[in-house]
Amino acid sequence: MKKLLDRITVNPEVCMGQPTIRGMRITVAFVLKLLASGMSHEEILKAYPELEEKDILQAIEYAAWLAGEYYHPFPAFAE
C-alpha cells in the first residue's frame, strides 16, 4: 500500500499552484532549499514554528518521489 502524502497540497490559488506544506504559503521547494543550505531540522522548526517535523520529512519524501518519476539528463557544460 502506498503512503499518502497528506501534508503536501497543491492549490492554483496558493503560491501559483506550487506544492505547499498543508496549504500554508510555505512551498516544498522552500523547505528543500533550507535543507540544502545546511539548516538542520531543528533550525528550520525554530525559524518557522508553524512547521512540524513531519512536514519536513514529507517534503523530502515528495522530492524523492519526484526525482524517481522523471529522467532529466543534465545538459553538457561548456568548459
C-alpha atoms as a PDB file:
ATOM      1  CA  MET A   1       0.000   0.000   0.000  1.00  0.00           C
ATOM      2  CA  LYS A   2       1.368   3.417  -0.965  1.00  0.00           C
ATOM      3  CA  LYS A   3       1.874   6.036   1.697  1.00  0.00           C
ATOM      4  CA  LEU A   4      -0.324   9.080   1.324  1.00  0.00           C
ATOM      5  CA  LEU A   5       1.411  12.440   1.042  1.00  0.00           C
ATOM      6  CA  ASP A   6      -1.233  14.138   3.135  1.00  0.00           C
ATOM      7  CA  ARG A   7       0.815  17.196   4.126  1.00  0.00           C
ATOM      8  CA  ILE A   8       1.620  18.284   0.572  1.00  0.00           C
ATOM      9  CA  THR A   9      -1.105  20.335  -1.068  1.00  0.00           C
ATOM     10  CA  VAL A  10      -1.460  21.916  -4.490  1.00  0.00           C
ATOM     11  CA  ASN A  11      -3.916  24.746  -4.962  1.00  0.00           C
ATOM     12  CA  PRO A  12      -3.791  27.042  -8.002  1.00  0.00           C
ATOM     13  CA  GLU A  13      -4.824  29.914  -5.707  1.00  0.00           C
ATOM     14  CA  VAL A  14      -1.873  29.461  -3.313  1.00  0.00           C
ATOM     15  CA  CYS A  15       1.726  30.154  -4.367  1.00  0.00           C
ATOM     16  CA  MET A  16       0.810  29.916  -8.057  1.00  0.00           C
ATOM     17  CA  GLY A  17      -0.035  26.233  -7.715  1.00  0.00           C
ATOM     18  CA  GLN A  18       3.333  25.143  -6.369  1.00  0.00           C
ATOM     19  CA  PRO A  19       3.249  22.258  -3.883  1.00  0.00           C
ATOM     20  CA  THR A  20       2.965  23.704  -0.381  1.00  0.00           C
ATOM     21  CA  ILE A  21       3.016  22.370   3.145  1.00  0.00           C
ATOM     22  CA  ARG A  22      -0.527  21.897   4.455  1.00  0.00           C
ATOM     23  CA  GLY A  23      -1.894  24.741   2.330  1.00  0.00           C
ATOM     24  CA  MET A  24       0.335  27.319   4.005  1.00  0.00           C
ATOM     25  CA  ARG A  25       2.350  29.709   1.914  1.00  0.00           C
ATOM     26  CA  ILE A  26       5.478  27.677   2.583  1.00  0.00           C
ATOM     27  CA  THR A  27       6.431  25.725  -0.516  1.00  0.00           C
ATOM     28  CA  VAL A  28       8.031  22.313  -0.589  1.00  0.00           C
ATOM     29  CA  ALA A  29      10.811  23.857  -2.681  1.00  0.00           C
ATOM     30  CA  PHE A  30      11.492  26.448   0.027  1.00  0.00           C
ATOM     31  CA  VAL A  31      11.800  23.775   2.713  1.00  0.00           C
ATOM     32  CA  LEU A  32      14.133  21.764   0.486  1.00  0.00           C
ATOM     33  CA  LYS A  33      16.266  24.844  -0.195  1.00  0.00           C
ATOM     34  CA  LEU A  34      16.590  25.458   3.539  1.00  0.00           C
ATOM     35  CA  LEU A  35      17.783  21.881   3.985  1.00  0.00           C
ATOM     36  CA  ALA A  36      20.153  22.164   1.019  1.00  0.00           C
ATOM     37  CA  SER A  37      21.647  25.334   2.516  1.00  0.00           C
ATOM     38  CA  GLY A  38      22.694  23.296   5.534  1.00  0.00           C
ATOM     39  CA  MET A  39      19.960  24.175   8.018  1.00  0.00           C
ATOM     40  CA  SER A  40      19.078  21.379  10.408  1.00  0.00           C
ATOM     41  CA  HIS A  41      15.518  20.276  11.033  1.00  0.00           C
ATOM     42  CA  GLU A  42      15.700  21.939  14.431  1.00  0.00           C
ATOM     43  CA  GLU A  43      16.852  25.244  12.947  1.00  0.00           C
ATOM     44  CA  ILE A  44      14.053  25.202  10.393  1.00  0.00           C
ATOM     45  CA  LEU A  45      11.447  24.435  13.035  1.00  0.00           C
ATOM     46  CA  LYS A  46      12.750  27.261  15.213  1.00  0.00           C
ATOM     47  CA  ALA A  47      12.722  29.736  12.310  1.00  0.00           C
ATOM     48  CA  TYR A  48       9.292  28.596  11.080  1.00  0.00           C
ATOM     49  CA  PRO A  49       7.333  27.435  14.154  1.00  0.00           C
ATOM     50  CA  GLU A  50       4.226  26.764  12.062  1.00  0.00           C
ATOM     51  CA  LEU A  51       6.070  23.809  10.522  1.00  0.00           C
ATOM     52  CA  GLU A  52       6.275  20.381  12.129  1.00  0.00           C
ATOM     53  CA  GLU A  53       8.926  17.685  11.832  1.00  0.00           C
ATOM     54  CA  LYS A  54       6.506  15.586   9.764  1.00  0.00           C
ATOM     55  CA  ASP A  55       6.231  18.456   7.256  1.00  0.00           C
ATOM     56  CA  ILE A  56       9.978  18.446   6.656  1.00  0.00           C
ATOM     57  CA  LEU A  57      10.117  14.671   6.329  1.00  0.00           C
ATOM     58  CA  GLN A  58       7.235  14.652   3.880  1.00  0.00           C
ATOM     59  CA  ALA A  59       8.840  17.406   1.784  1.00  0.00           C
ATOM     60  CA  ILE A  60      11.916  15.179   1.473  1.00  0.00           C
ATOM     61  CA  GLU A  61       9.753  12.176   0.630  1.00  0.00           C
ATOM     62  CA  TYR A  62       7.893  14.181  -2.029  1.00  0.00           C
ATOM     63  CA  ALA A  63      11.190  15.298  -3.580  1.00  0.00           C
ATOM     64  CA  ALA A  64      12.454  11.716  -3.633  1.00  0.00           C
ATOM     65  CA  TRP A  65       9.247  10.594  -5.326  1.00  0.00           C
ATOM     66  CA  LEU A  66       9.583  13.317  -7.970  1.00  0.00           C
ATOM     67  CA  ALA A  67      13.237  12.507  -8.574  1.00  0.00           C
ATOM     68  CA  GLY A  68      12.339   8.892  -9.243  1.00  0.00           C
ATOM     69  CA  GLU A  69       9.454   9.675 -11.569  1.00  0.00           C
ATOM     70  CA  TYR A  70      11.271  11.557 -14.290  1.00  0.00           C
ATOM     71  CA  TYR A  71      14.547  11.320 -16.109  1.00  0.00           C
ATOM     72  CA  HIS A  72      16.052  14.684 -16.957  1.00  0.00           C
ATOM     73  CA  PRO A  73      19.627  14.461 -18.201  1.00  0.00           C
ATOM     74  CA  PHE A  74      21.920  17.280 -17.165  1.00  0.00           C
ATOM     75  CA  PRO A  75      22.996  19.492 -20.066  1.00  0.00           C
ATOM     76  CA  ALA A  76      26.611  19.315 -21.082  1.00  0.00           C
ATOM     77  CA  PHE A  77      28.629  22.106 -19.530  1.00  0.00           C
ATOM     78  CA  ALA A  78      30.945  24.128 -21.740  1.00  0.00           C
ATOM     79  CA  GLU A  79      34.432  24.414 -20.364  1.00  0.00           C
END
